[in-house]
Amino acid sequence: MSSSSKFSYQYPRPSLTVDAVIVTGDTEPQLLLIKRKNDPFAGSWALPGGFVDENEALEAAAARELQEETGVDPSRVLLTQVGAFGDPGRDPRGWCISVAYAALVPSSSELQIQAAEAQLYKITEQLPPLAFDHKRIVRLAFRHLARADAVEGQAARVQQLLAAADRLHDHAGAASFPLEAVLAEVLQAREGPATEA
């Protein structure tokens, strides 16, 4: 086969998207959401995100979508990968996998949101219904951020993030983990294993 030949695959390939979970470090942390203009879920709140362009790095796509949808300068945000989400049916347009990124920014004033359809919601309060599986993504991103270096030594911030994640958990038929136990686990992981004197 010559080096100029194209490969073709017999297996179907999913669409690939990125989503950005941006939380402010204000006294009352806030989550950045956008109102979707197009179907599916037109008029619903969602995370900033969209499709990855061909030959585009995932982190670059997350930064691009964040800037396009909110006007936030991505150079002011350190995005870290939370995980991949690809449950069947998560997107009514077809098979679609999303790679989620999260960031904790110092304050809402750092964001300089320019988009009219972007809004900050306090994580200590009930969030609006979210499109796609974004509720699950936000829940896992809050837990991810609670373990991030940016909140090291900030027990109150860790507790706020974990409490917000717990409020988003669908408890029906699932085991519930008491907030105190999860907080203790996070703090113990930060301090390292206990040593005897």
N, C-alpha and C. Protein backbone atom coordinates (compact mmCIF):
# COMPACT_ATOMS: atom_id res chain seq x y z
N MET A 1 0.85 -1.18 0.00
CA MET A 1 0.00 0.00 0.00
C MET A 1 0.89 1.24 0.00
N SER A 2 0.60 2.18 -0.86
CA SER A 2 1.43 3.39 -0.94
C SER A 2 1.14 4.29 0.24
N SER A 3 2.11 5.16 0.55
CA SER A 3 1.96 6.05 1.70
C SER A 3 0.89 7.12 1.47
N SER A 4 0.48 7.31 0.21
CA SER A 4 -0.54 8.33 -0.07
C SER A 4 -1.95 7.76 -0.01
N SER A 5 -2.08 6.44 0.22
CA SER A 5 -3.40 5.83 0.30
C SER A 5 -4.11 6.27 1.58
N LYS A 6 -5.42 6.34 1.47
CA LYS A 6 -6.22 6.68 2.64
C LYS A 6 -6.68 5.39 3.29
N PHE A 7 -6.78 5.43 4.60
CA PHE A 7 -7.30 4.28 5.33
C PHE A 7 -8.81 4.41 5.40
N SER A 8 -9.47 3.29 5.34
CA SER A 8 -10.91 3.30 5.59
C SER A 8 -11.18 2.23 6.64
N TYR A 9 -12.17 2.46 7.43
CA TYR A 9 -12.46 1.58 8.54
C TYR A 9 -13.83 0.95 8.35
N GLN A 10 -13.94 -0.32 8.70
CA GLN A 10 -15.21 -1.01 8.57
C GLN A 10 -16.11 -0.74 9.77
N TYR A 11 -15.57 -0.08 10.80
CA TYR A 11 -16.33 0.17 12.01
C TYR A 11 -16.91 1.58 12.00
N PRO A 12 -18.13 1.74 12.51
CA PRO A 12 -18.71 3.09 12.57
C PRO A 12 -17.93 3.94 13.56
N ARG A 13 -17.89 5.23 13.31
CA ARG A 13 -17.15 6.15 14.18
C ARG A 13 -18.10 7.19 14.75
N PRO A 14 -17.94 7.49 16.05
CA PRO A 14 -18.81 8.49 16.67
C PRO A 14 -18.36 9.91 16.34
N SER A 15 -19.26 10.84 16.56
CA SER A 15 -18.88 12.25 16.55
C SER A 15 -18.15 12.53 17.86
N LEU A 16 -17.31 13.55 17.85
CA LEU A 16 -16.53 13.89 19.04
C LEU A 16 -16.76 15.34 19.41
N THR A 17 -17.14 15.56 20.68
CA THR A 17 -17.35 16.91 21.17
C THR A 17 -16.53 17.13 22.43
N VAL A 18 -16.45 18.40 22.85
CA VAL A 18 -15.82 18.77 24.11
C VAL A 18 -16.80 19.66 24.88
N ASP A 19 -16.73 19.60 26.20
CA ASP A 19 -17.52 20.45 27.07
C ASP A 19 -16.60 21.03 28.14
N ALA A 20 -16.91 22.25 28.57
CA ALA A 20 -16.09 22.93 29.58
C ALA A 20 -16.93 23.27 30.81
N VAL A 21 -16.47 22.78 31.96
CA VAL A 21 -17.11 23.08 33.24
C VAL A 21 -16.24 24.14 33.92
N ILE A 22 -16.75 25.39 33.95
CA ILE A 22 -15.99 26.50 34.50
C ILE A 22 -16.65 26.94 35.79
N VAL A 23 -15.89 26.88 36.90
CA VAL A 23 -16.40 27.26 38.22
C VAL A 23 -15.55 28.41 38.74
N THR A 24 -16.22 29.43 39.28
CA THR A 24 -15.49 30.57 39.83
C THR A 24 -15.06 30.27 41.26
N GLY A 25 -14.00 30.91 41.70
CA GLY A 25 -13.49 30.76 43.05
C GLY A 25 -14.04 31.80 44.00
N ASP A 26 -15.15 32.43 43.65
CA ASP A 26 -15.77 33.43 44.52
C ASP A 26 -16.16 32.80 45.86
N THR A 27 -16.49 33.64 46.85
CA THR A 27 -16.96 33.14 48.14
C THR A 27 -18.11 32.17 47.94
N GLU A 28 -19.01 32.53 47.05
CA GLU A 28 -20.07 31.61 46.62
C GLU A 28 -19.75 31.21 45.19
N PRO A 29 -19.09 30.05 44.99
CA PRO A 29 -18.68 29.65 43.64
C PRO A 29 -19.86 29.58 42.68
N GLN A 30 -19.57 29.89 41.41
CA GLN A 30 -20.60 29.88 40.38
C GLN A 30 -20.15 29.03 39.20
N LEU A 31 -21.13 28.46 38.50
CA LEU A 31 -20.91 27.62 37.32
C LEU A 31 -21.35 28.39 36.09
N LEU A 32 -20.51 28.39 35.06
CA LEU A 32 -20.82 29.07 33.80
C LEU A 32 -21.63 28.15 32.90
N LEU A 33 -22.82 28.62 32.49
CA LEU A 33 -23.69 27.87 31.58
C LEU A 33 -24.06 28.75 30.40
N ILE A 34 -24.43 28.11 29.30
CA ILE A 34 -24.91 28.84 28.12
C ILE A 34 -26.31 28.34 27.77
N LYS A 35 -27.10 29.21 27.17
CA LYS A 35 -28.43 28.82 26.70
C LYS A 35 -28.29 28.39 25.25
N ARG A 36 -28.69 27.15 24.96
CA ARG A 36 -28.55 26.61 23.61
C ARG A 36 -29.48 27.33 22.64
N LYS A 37 -28.93 27.68 21.48
CA LYS A 37 -29.71 28.36 20.44
C LYS A 37 -30.39 27.37 19.51
N ASN A 38 -29.78 26.20 19.32
CA ASN A 38 -30.25 25.24 18.31
C ASN A 38 -30.68 23.93 18.95
N ASP A 39 -31.50 23.19 18.21
CA ASP A 39 -31.85 21.84 18.62
C ASP A 39 -30.65 20.93 18.44
N PRO A 40 -30.54 19.88 19.20
CA PRO A 40 -31.49 19.49 20.22
C PRO A 40 -31.36 20.35 21.49
N PHE A 41 -32.41 20.40 22.24
CA PHE A 41 -32.46 21.13 23.51
C PHE A 41 -32.36 22.65 23.34
N ALA A 42 -32.89 23.18 22.23
CA ALA A 42 -32.89 24.64 22.03
C ALA A 42 -33.58 25.30 23.22
N GLY A 43 -32.96 26.36 23.75
CA GLY A 43 -33.50 27.10 24.88
C GLY A 43 -33.13 26.52 26.24
N SER A 44 -32.47 25.37 26.25
CA SER A 44 -32.05 24.75 27.51
C SER A 44 -30.66 25.24 27.90
N TRP A 45 -30.36 25.14 29.19
CA TRP A 45 -29.02 25.49 29.67
C TRP A 45 -28.09 24.30 29.48
N ALA A 46 -26.84 24.60 29.15
CA ALA A 46 -25.84 23.56 28.88
C ALA A 46 -24.46 24.10 29.20
N LEU A 47 -23.51 23.21 29.17
CA LEU A 47 -22.10 23.61 29.31
C LEU A 47 -21.61 24.19 27.99
N PRO A 48 -20.68 25.14 28.03
CA PRO A 48 -20.07 25.59 26.79
C PRO A 48 -19.34 24.41 26.15
N GLY A 49 -19.53 24.22 24.87
CA GLY A 49 -18.88 23.11 24.19
C GLY A 49 -19.36 22.98 22.76
N GLY A 50 -18.81 21.99 22.08
CA GLY A 50 -19.19 21.75 20.71
C GLY A 50 -18.30 20.71 20.06
N PHE A 51 -18.45 20.58 18.75
CA PHE A 51 -17.73 19.54 18.01
C PHE A 51 -16.25 19.88 17.85
N VAL A 52 -15.44 18.82 17.88
CA VAL A 52 -14.00 18.94 17.65
C VAL A 52 -13.78 18.95 16.15
N ASP A 53 -12.99 19.91 15.67
CA ASP A 53 -12.66 19.98 14.25
C ASP A 53 -11.64 18.90 13.90
N GLU A 54 -11.61 18.49 12.64
CA GLU A 54 -10.64 17.50 12.20
C GLU A 54 -9.22 18.03 12.45
N ASN A 55 -8.36 17.18 12.98
CA ASN A 55 -6.97 17.50 13.29
C ASN A 55 -6.81 18.56 14.38
N GLU A 56 -7.83 18.74 15.22
CA GLU A 56 -7.76 19.70 16.32
C GLU A 56 -7.54 18.93 17.62
N ALA A 57 -6.62 19.42 18.45
CA ALA A 57 -6.38 18.81 19.75
C ALA A 57 -7.61 19.03 20.64
N LEU A 58 -7.88 18.09 21.52
CA LEU A 58 -9.06 18.18 22.38
C LEU A 58 -9.04 19.44 23.24
N GLU A 59 -7.93 19.72 23.90
CA GLU A 59 -7.85 20.90 24.77
C GLU A 59 -8.02 22.19 23.96
N ALA A 60 -7.47 22.22 22.75
CA ALA A 60 -7.64 23.39 21.88
C ALA A 60 -9.11 23.55 21.50
N ALA A 61 -9.80 22.45 21.26
CA ALA A 61 -11.22 22.51 20.92
C ALA A 61 -12.03 23.04 22.10
N ALA A 62 -11.71 22.58 23.31
CA ALA A 62 -12.42 23.05 24.50
C ALA A 62 -12.20 24.55 24.69
N ALA A 63 -10.97 25.00 24.50
CA ALA A 63 -10.66 26.43 24.63
C ALA A 63 -11.37 27.24 23.56
N ARG A 64 -11.39 26.74 22.34
CA ARG A 64 -12.05 27.45 21.23
C ARG A 64 -13.54 27.57 21.48
N GLU A 65 -14.18 26.47 21.87
CA GLU A 65 -15.62 26.49 22.13
C GLU A 65 -15.96 27.42 23.30
N LEU A 66 -15.13 27.40 24.33
CA LEU A 66 -15.35 28.29 25.48
C LEU A 66 -15.35 29.75 25.02
N GLN A 67 -14.37 30.11 24.19
CA GLN A 67 -14.28 31.49 23.72
C GLN A 67 -15.42 31.84 22.76
N GLU A 68 -15.74 30.93 21.83
CA GLU A 68 -16.80 31.20 20.86
C GLU A 68 -18.17 31.38 21.52
N GLU A 69 -18.45 30.56 22.54
CA GLU A 69 -19.79 30.56 23.12
C GLU A 69 -19.97 31.54 24.27
N THR A 70 -18.88 31.98 24.90
CA THR A 70 -19.02 32.84 26.07
C THR A 70 -18.21 34.13 25.98
N GLY A 71 -17.24 34.18 25.06
CA GLY A 71 -16.37 35.34 24.99
C GLY A 71 -15.25 35.30 26.02
N VAL A 72 -15.19 34.23 26.82
CA VAL A 72 -14.14 34.10 27.83
C VAL A 72 -12.80 33.81 27.15
N ASP A 73 -11.77 34.54 27.56
CA ASP A 73 -10.43 34.33 27.02
C ASP A 73 -9.88 33.02 27.59
N PRO A 74 -9.69 31.98 26.76
CA PRO A 74 -9.23 30.69 27.28
C PRO A 74 -7.84 30.72 27.88
N SER A 75 -7.05 31.74 27.57
CA SER A 75 -5.71 31.82 28.16
C SER A 75 -5.79 32.16 29.65
N ARG A 76 -6.96 32.60 30.12
CA ARG A 76 -7.15 32.95 31.54
C ARG A 76 -7.68 31.76 32.35
N VAL A 77 -7.83 30.60 31.68
CA VAL A 77 -8.44 29.42 32.30
C VAL A 77 -7.53 28.22 32.09
N LEU A 78 -7.22 27.50 33.17
CA LEU A 78 -6.43 26.27 33.06
C LEU A 78 -7.39 25.09 33.03
N LEU A 79 -7.61 24.53 31.84
CA LEU A 79 -8.54 23.42 31.67
C LEU A 79 -7.83 22.09 31.95
N THR A 80 -8.47 21.24 32.77
CA THR A 80 -7.95 19.89 33.00
C THR A 80 -9.04 18.89 32.61
N GLN A 81 -8.61 17.77 32.05
CA GLN A 81 -9.56 16.79 31.54
C GLN A 81 -10.24 16.03 32.68
N VAL A 82 -11.57 15.98 32.64
CA VAL A 82 -12.37 15.29 33.64
C VAL A 82 -12.61 13.85 33.21
N GLY A 83 -12.98 13.65 31.94
CA GLY A 83 -13.26 12.30 31.47
C GLY A 83 -14.02 12.32 30.16
N ALA A 84 -14.32 11.12 29.68
CA ALA A 84 -15.06 10.96 28.42
C ALA A 84 -16.45 10.41 28.75
N PHE A 85 -17.45 10.89 28.01
CA PHE A 85 -18.83 10.52 28.24
C PHE A 85 -19.44 10.07 26.92
N GLY A 86 -19.88 8.82 26.86
CA GLY A 86 -20.35 8.29 25.59
C GLY A 86 -21.49 7.31 25.71
N ASP A 87 -22.31 7.43 26.75
CA ASP A 87 -23.44 6.51 26.88
C ASP A 87 -24.34 6.59 25.66
N PRO A 88 -24.84 5.45 25.18
CA PRO A 88 -25.77 5.48 24.05
C PRO A 88 -26.98 6.35 24.38
N GLY A 89 -27.39 7.15 23.43
CA GLY A 89 -28.56 8.00 23.62
C GLY A 89 -28.30 9.32 24.30
N ARG A 90 -27.04 9.62 24.65
CA ARG A 90 -26.76 10.88 25.35
C ARG A 90 -27.01 12.09 24.45
N ASP A 91 -26.98 11.86 23.14
CA ASP A 91 -27.22 12.93 22.19
C ASP A 91 -28.22 12.43 21.15
N PRO A 92 -29.38 13.08 21.03
CA PRO A 92 -30.39 12.60 20.08
C PRO A 92 -29.98 12.67 18.62
N ARG A 93 -28.87 13.36 18.31
CA ARG A 93 -28.41 13.46 16.92
C ARG A 93 -27.70 12.19 16.47
N GLY A 94 -27.32 11.34 17.41
CA GLY A 94 -26.62 10.11 17.05
C GLY A 94 -25.50 9.81 18.03
N TRP A 95 -24.65 8.86 17.65
CA TRP A 95 -23.57 8.41 18.52
C TRP A 95 -22.55 9.53 18.67
N CYS A 96 -22.39 10.00 19.88
CA CYS A 96 -21.54 11.16 20.14
C CYS A 96 -20.82 10.97 21.47
N ILE A 97 -19.52 11.15 21.45
CA ILE A 97 -18.71 11.07 22.66
C ILE A 97 -18.22 12.47 22.99
N SER A 98 -18.33 12.84 24.26
CA SER A 98 -17.84 14.14 24.70
C SER A 98 -16.70 13.95 25.68
N VAL A 99 -15.65 14.75 25.51
CA VAL A 99 -14.55 14.79 26.46
C VAL A 99 -14.73 16.09 27.25
N ALA A 100 -14.88 15.96 28.56
CA ALA A 100 -15.16 17.12 29.41
C ALA A 100 -13.88 17.64 30.06
N TYR A 101 -13.82 18.95 30.15
CA TYR A 101 -12.72 19.66 30.81
C TYR A 101 -13.31 20.51 31.92
N ALA A 102 -12.51 20.79 32.96
CA ALA A 102 -12.96 21.63 34.06
C ALA A 102 -11.86 22.61 34.44
N ALA A 103 -12.30 23.73 34.99
CA ALA A 103 -11.36 24.74 35.48
C ALA A 103 -11.99 25.51 36.63
N LEU A 104 -11.15 25.87 37.59
CA LEU A 104 -11.55 26.75 38.68
C LEU A 104 -10.82 28.06 38.45
N VAL A 105 -11.57 29.13 38.23
CA VAL A 105 -10.97 30.44 37.99
C VAL A 105 -11.09 31.27 39.27
N PRO A 106 -10.16 32.18 39.52
CA PRO A 106 -10.14 32.91 40.79
C PRO A 106 -11.46 33.62 41.14
N SER A 107 -12.06 34.30 40.18
CA SER A 107 -13.32 35.00 40.47
C SER A 107 -14.12 35.20 39.19
N SER A 108 -15.40 35.52 39.36
CA SER A 108 -16.25 35.74 38.19
C SER A 108 -15.78 36.93 37.38
N SER A 109 -15.14 37.91 38.02
CA SER A 109 -14.65 39.08 37.27
C SER A 109 -13.53 38.70 36.31
N GLU A 110 -12.84 37.60 36.58
CA GLU A 110 -11.77 37.12 35.70
C GLU A 110 -12.31 36.64 34.36
N LEU A 111 -13.59 36.21 34.34
CA LEU A 111 -14.14 35.60 33.14
C LEU A 111 -14.45 36.60 32.03
N GLN A 112 -14.90 37.78 32.38
CA GLN A 112 -15.25 38.79 31.37
C GLN A 112 -16.17 38.20 30.30
N ILE A 113 -17.31 37.67 30.74
CA ILE A 113 -18.28 37.02 29.84
C ILE A 113 -18.86 38.06 28.90
N GLN A 114 -18.83 37.75 27.61
CA GLN A 114 -19.33 38.68 26.60
C GLN A 114 -20.62 38.21 25.94
N ALA A 115 -20.91 36.94 26.03
CA ALA A 115 -22.08 36.40 25.34
C ALA A 115 -23.36 36.68 26.14
N ALA A 116 -24.39 37.12 25.45
CA ALA A 116 -25.67 37.41 26.09
C ALA A 116 -26.33 36.14 26.61
N GLU A 117 -26.05 35.03 25.96
CA GLU A 117 -26.69 33.77 26.32
C GLU A 117 -25.84 32.94 27.29
N ALA A 118 -24.91 33.58 27.99
CA ALA A 118 -24.11 32.90 29.01
C ALA A 118 -24.46 33.49 30.37
N GLN A 119 -24.49 32.63 31.38
CA GLN A 119 -24.87 33.09 32.70
C GLN A 119 -24.16 32.27 33.76
N LEU A 120 -23.88 32.89 34.91
CA LEU A 120 -23.29 32.21 36.05
C LEU A 120 -24.38 31.82 37.04
N TYR A 121 -24.30 30.59 37.54
CA TYR A 121 -25.24 30.09 38.54
C TYR A 121 -24.46 29.66 39.78
N LYS A 122 -24.94 30.07 40.96
CA LYS A 122 -24.29 29.67 42.21
C LYS A 122 -24.41 28.16 42.37
N ILE A 123 -23.29 27.51 42.69
CA ILE A 123 -23.31 26.06 42.84
C ILE A 123 -23.94 25.65 44.17
N THR A 124 -24.09 26.61 45.08
CA THR A 124 -24.72 26.32 46.37
C THR A 124 -26.23 26.30 46.28
N GLU A 125 -26.78 26.65 45.11
CA GLU A 125 -28.21 26.67 44.89
C GLU A 125 -28.57 25.65 43.80
N GLN A 126 -29.87 25.44 43.63
CA GLN A 126 -30.35 24.50 42.61
C GLN A 126 -29.99 25.03 41.22
N LEU A 127 -29.34 24.20 40.42
CA LEU A 127 -29.03 24.57 39.04
C LEU A 127 -30.27 24.36 38.17
N PRO A 128 -30.38 25.07 37.05
CA PRO A 128 -31.51 24.82 36.15
C PRO A 128 -31.35 23.44 35.50
N PRO A 129 -32.43 22.89 34.94
CA PRO A 129 -32.29 21.63 34.20
C PRO A 129 -31.27 21.80 33.08
N LEU A 130 -30.43 20.78 32.89
CA LEU A 130 -29.35 20.86 31.90
C LEU A 130 -29.60 19.92 30.73
N ALA A 131 -29.13 20.32 29.56
CA ALA A 131 -29.26 19.52 28.33
C ALA A 131 -28.32 18.31 28.37
N PHE A 132 -28.61 17.37 27.49
CA PHE A 132 -27.78 16.17 27.30
C PHE A 132 -27.57 15.47 28.65
N ASP A 133 -26.35 15.00 28.90
CA ASP A 133 -26.00 14.40 30.19
C ASP A 133 -25.12 15.36 30.99
N HIS A 134 -25.33 16.65 30.79
CA HIS A 134 -24.47 17.65 31.41
C HIS A 134 -24.59 17.67 32.93
N LYS A 135 -25.72 17.24 33.47
CA LYS A 135 -25.85 17.15 34.92
C LYS A 135 -24.81 16.17 35.46
N ARG A 136 -24.67 15.03 34.81
CA ARG A 136 -23.69 14.02 35.23
C ARG A 136 -22.27 14.56 35.07
N ILE A 137 -22.01 15.23 33.96
CA ILE A 137 -20.68 15.80 33.71
C ILE A 137 -20.34 16.82 34.78
N VAL A 138 -21.28 17.70 35.10
CA VAL A 138 -21.05 18.73 36.13
C VAL A 138 -20.77 18.07 37.47
N ARG A 139 -21.57 17.07 37.83
CA ARG A 139 -21.37 16.37 39.11
C ARG A 139 -19.96 15.80 39.22
N LEU A 140 -19.52 15.11 38.17
CA LEU A 140 -18.18 14.52 38.21
C LEU A 140 -17.09 15.59 38.14
N ALA A 141 -17.35 16.67 37.44
CA ALA A 141 -16.37 17.77 37.37
C ALA A 141 -16.22 18.45 38.73
N PHE A 142 -17.32 18.61 39.47
CA PHE A 142 -17.22 19.19 40.82
C PHE A 142 -16.33 18.31 41.69
N ARG A 143 -16.51 17.01 41.60
CA ARG A 143 -15.67 16.09 42.39
C ARG A 143 -14.21 16.18 41.93
N HIS A 144 -14.01 16.29 40.62
CA HIS A 144 -12.66 16.44 40.06
C HIS A 144 -12.00 17.71 40.60
N LEU A 145 -12.74 18.81 40.58
CA LEU A 145 -12.19 20.08 41.06
C LEU A 145 -11.93 20.05 42.56
N ALA A 146 -12.73 19.30 43.32
CA ALA A 146 -12.52 19.20 44.77
C ALA A 146 -11.18 18.54 45.09
N ARG A 147 -10.66 17.78 44.15
CA ARG A 147 -9.37 17.11 44.34
C ARG A 147 -8.21 17.87 43.68
N ALA A 148 -8.51 18.98 43.05
CA ALA A 148 -7.50 19.73 42.29
C ALA A 148 -6.56 20.49 43.22
N ASP A 149 -5.36 20.73 42.71
CA ASP A 149 -4.37 21.50 43.47
C ASP A 149 -4.86 22.90 43.79
N ALA A 150 -5.72 23.45 42.94
CA ALA A 150 -6.20 24.82 43.12
C ALA A 150 -6.99 25.00 44.42
N VAL A 151 -7.55 23.92 44.98
CA VAL A 151 -8.31 24.03 46.22
C VAL A 151 -7.57 23.43 47.41
N GLU A 152 -6.32 23.08 47.24
CA GLU A 152 -5.55 22.50 48.33
C GLU A 152 -5.50 23.47 49.50
N GLY A 153 -5.81 22.95 50.68
CA GLY A 153 -5.81 23.78 51.87
C GLY A 153 -7.07 24.62 52.05
N GLN A 154 -8.05 24.44 51.16
CA GLN A 154 -9.31 25.19 51.23
C GLN A 154 -10.46 24.23 51.52
N ALA A 155 -10.54 23.79 52.78
CA ALA A 155 -11.54 22.80 53.16
C ALA A 155 -12.95 23.28 52.85
N ALA A 156 -13.23 24.57 53.05
CA ALA A 156 -14.57 25.09 52.77
C ALA A 156 -14.90 24.98 51.29
N ARG A 157 -13.92 25.26 50.42
CA ARG A 157 -14.15 25.17 48.98
C ARG A 157 -14.38 23.72 48.57
N VAL A 158 -13.58 22.82 49.12
CA VAL A 158 -13.75 21.40 48.84
C VAL A 158 -15.16 20.97 49.25
N GLN A 159 -15.59 21.39 50.44
CA GLN A 159 -16.92 21.01 50.93
C GLN A 159 -18.01 21.59 50.04
N GLN A 160 -17.86 22.83 49.56
CA GLN A 160 -18.86 23.42 48.66
C GLN A 160 -18.99 22.60 47.37
N LEU A 161 -17.84 22.23 46.79
CA LEU A 161 -17.86 21.46 45.55
C LEU A 161 -18.48 20.08 45.75
N LEU A 162 -18.12 19.41 46.84
CA LEU A 162 -18.66 18.07 47.10
C LEU A 162 -20.15 18.13 47.42
N ALA A 163 -20.57 19.16 48.16
CA ALA A 163 -22.00 19.30 48.47
C ALA A 163 -22.79 19.56 47.19
N ALA A 164 -22.24 20.38 46.30
CA ALA A 164 -22.92 20.66 45.02
C ALA A 164 -23.00 19.40 44.18
N ALA A 165 -21.93 18.60 44.18
CA ALA A 165 -21.95 17.34 43.44
C ALA A 165 -22.99 16.40 44.02
N ASP A 166 -23.08 16.35 45.33
CA ASP A 166 -24.04 15.46 45.98
C ASP A 166 -25.47 15.88 45.65
N ARG A 167 -25.73 17.19 45.56
CA ARG A 167 -27.08 17.65 45.21
C ARG A 167 -27.46 17.24 43.79
N LEU A 168 -26.49 17.05 42.93
CA LEU A 168 -26.76 16.67 41.54
C LEU A 168 -26.89 15.16 41.36
N HIS A 169 -26.59 14.41 42.40
CA HIS A 169 -26.61 12.95 42.30
C HIS A 169 -28.05 12.46 42.25
N ASP A 170 -28.33 11.55 41.33
CA ASP A 170 -29.63 10.90 41.26
C ASP A 170 -29.61 9.76 42.26
N HIS A 171 -30.26 9.95 43.40
CA HIS A 171 -30.17 8.97 44.48
C HIS A 171 -31.06 7.75 44.27
N ALA A 172 -32.02 7.81 43.38
CA ALA A 172 -32.94 6.69 43.19
C ALA A 172 -32.18 5.44 42.77
N GLY A 173 -32.25 4.43 43.61
CA GLY A 173 -31.64 3.15 43.27
C GLY A 173 -30.13 3.14 43.35
N ALA A 174 -29.52 4.20 43.86
CA ALA A 174 -28.06 4.26 43.93
C ALA A 174 -27.63 4.42 45.37
N ALA A 175 -26.46 3.92 45.67
CA ALA A 175 -25.92 4.08 47.02
C ALA A 175 -25.54 5.54 47.22
N SER A 176 -25.85 6.06 48.38
CA SER A 176 -25.51 7.45 48.70
C SER A 176 -24.30 7.45 49.62
N PHE A 177 -23.38 8.34 49.37
CA PHE A 177 -22.20 8.46 50.19
C PHE A 177 -22.33 9.73 51.02
N PRO A 178 -22.30 9.62 52.35
CA PRO A 178 -22.43 10.81 53.18
C PRO A 178 -21.33 11.82 52.84
N LEU A 179 -21.70 13.08 52.79
CA LEU A 179 -20.76 14.14 52.45
C LEU A 179 -19.54 14.11 53.36
N GLU A 180 -19.76 13.88 54.64
CA GLU A 180 -18.64 13.89 55.59
C GLU A 180 -17.61 12.81 55.24
N ALA A 181 -18.08 11.63 54.83
CA ALA A 181 -17.17 10.54 54.49
C ALA A 181 -16.36 10.89 53.24
N VAL A 182 -17.02 11.47 52.23
CA VAL A 182 -16.32 11.85 51.00
C VAL A 182 -15.30 12.95 51.30
N LEU A 183 -15.70 13.96 52.10
CA LEU A 183 -14.80 15.05 52.46
C LEU A 183 -13.58 14.52 53.20
N ALA A 184 -13.81 13.62 54.14
CA ALA A 184 -12.69 13.03 54.89
C ALA A 184 -11.75 12.29 53.95
N GLU A 185 -12.32 11.56 52.97
CA GLU A 185 -11.49 10.83 52.01
C GLU A 185 -10.63 11.78 51.18
N VAL A 186 -11.23 12.88 50.72
CA VAL A 186 -10.48 13.86 49.92
C VAL A 186 -9.37 14.49 50.74
N LEU A 187 -9.69 14.91 51.97
CA LEU A 187 -8.68 15.55 52.81
C LEU A 187 -7.57 14.58 53.18
N GLN A 188 -7.92 13.32 53.44
CA GLN A 188 -6.90 12.32 53.75
C GLN A 188 -5.99 12.09 52.55
N ALA A 189 -6.55 12.05 51.35
CA ALA A 189 -5.74 11.86 50.14
C ALA A 189 -4.77 13.02 49.97
N ARG A 190 -5.18 14.23 50.33
CA ARG A 190 -4.31 15.40 50.21
C ARG A 190 -3.17 15.35 51.23
N GLU A 191 -3.48 14.86 52.44
CA GLU A 191 -2.48 14.85 53.51
C GLU A 191 -1.54 13.66 53.41
N GLY A 192 -1.94 12.65 52.66
CA GLY A 192 -1.12 11.45 52.53
C GLY A 192 -1.45 10.45 53.61
N PRO A 193 -0.83 9.29 53.56
CA PRO A 193 -1.13 8.24 54.54
C PRO A 193 -0.69 8.66 55.93
N ALA A 194 -1.46 8.20 56.90
CA ALA A 194 -1.13 8.49 58.29
C ALA A 194 0.13 7.74 58.68
N THR A 195 0.95 8.38 59.46
CA THR A 195 2.18 7.74 59.93
C THR A 195 2.16 7.69 61.45
N GLU A 196 2.75 6.64 62.00
CA GLU A 196 2.80 6.52 63.46
C GLU A 196 4.01 7.25 63.96
N ALA A 197 3.86 7.88 65.14
CA ALA A 197 4.97 8.64 65.73
C ALA A 197 5.93 7.74 66.43
